[in-house]
Amino acid sequence: MNRAVTCKNIETRPLHAWTIPHN
């Protein structure tokens, strides 16, 4: 589920802030 959320966040928001902490 984390991957789906991060993918959507990246597409919707170019900010990698969500990907950094999640990763």
Protein backbone atom coordinates (compact mmCIF):
# COMPACT_ATOMS: atom_id res chain seq x y z
CA MET A 1 0.00 0.00 0.00
CA ASN A 2 2.92 2.33 0.71
CA ARG A 3 4.09 2.07 -2.90
CA ALA A 4 0.66 2.95 -4.28
CA VAL A 5 0.40 5.93 -1.94
CA THR A 6 3.89 7.15 -2.84
CA CYS A 7 3.26 6.71 -6.57
CA LYS A 8 0.05 8.73 -6.35
CA ASN A 9 1.73 11.37 -4.21
CA ILE A 10 4.60 11.71 -6.68
CA GLU A 11 2.21 12.08 -9.62
CA THR A 12 -0.08 14.46 -7.79
CA ARG A 13 2.71 16.26 -5.94
CA PRO A 14 6.20 16.63 -7.45
CA LEU A 15 7.48 16.98 -3.87
CA HIS A 16 9.64 14.01 -2.90
CA ALA A 17 9.03 14.79 0.75
CA TRP A 18 6.52 11.92 0.91
CA THR A 19 8.84 9.47 -0.80
CA ILE A 20 11.88 10.26 1.35
CA PRO A 21 10.29 9.51 4.78
CA HIS A 22 8.25 6.61 3.40
CA ASN A 23 11.32 5.04 1.82
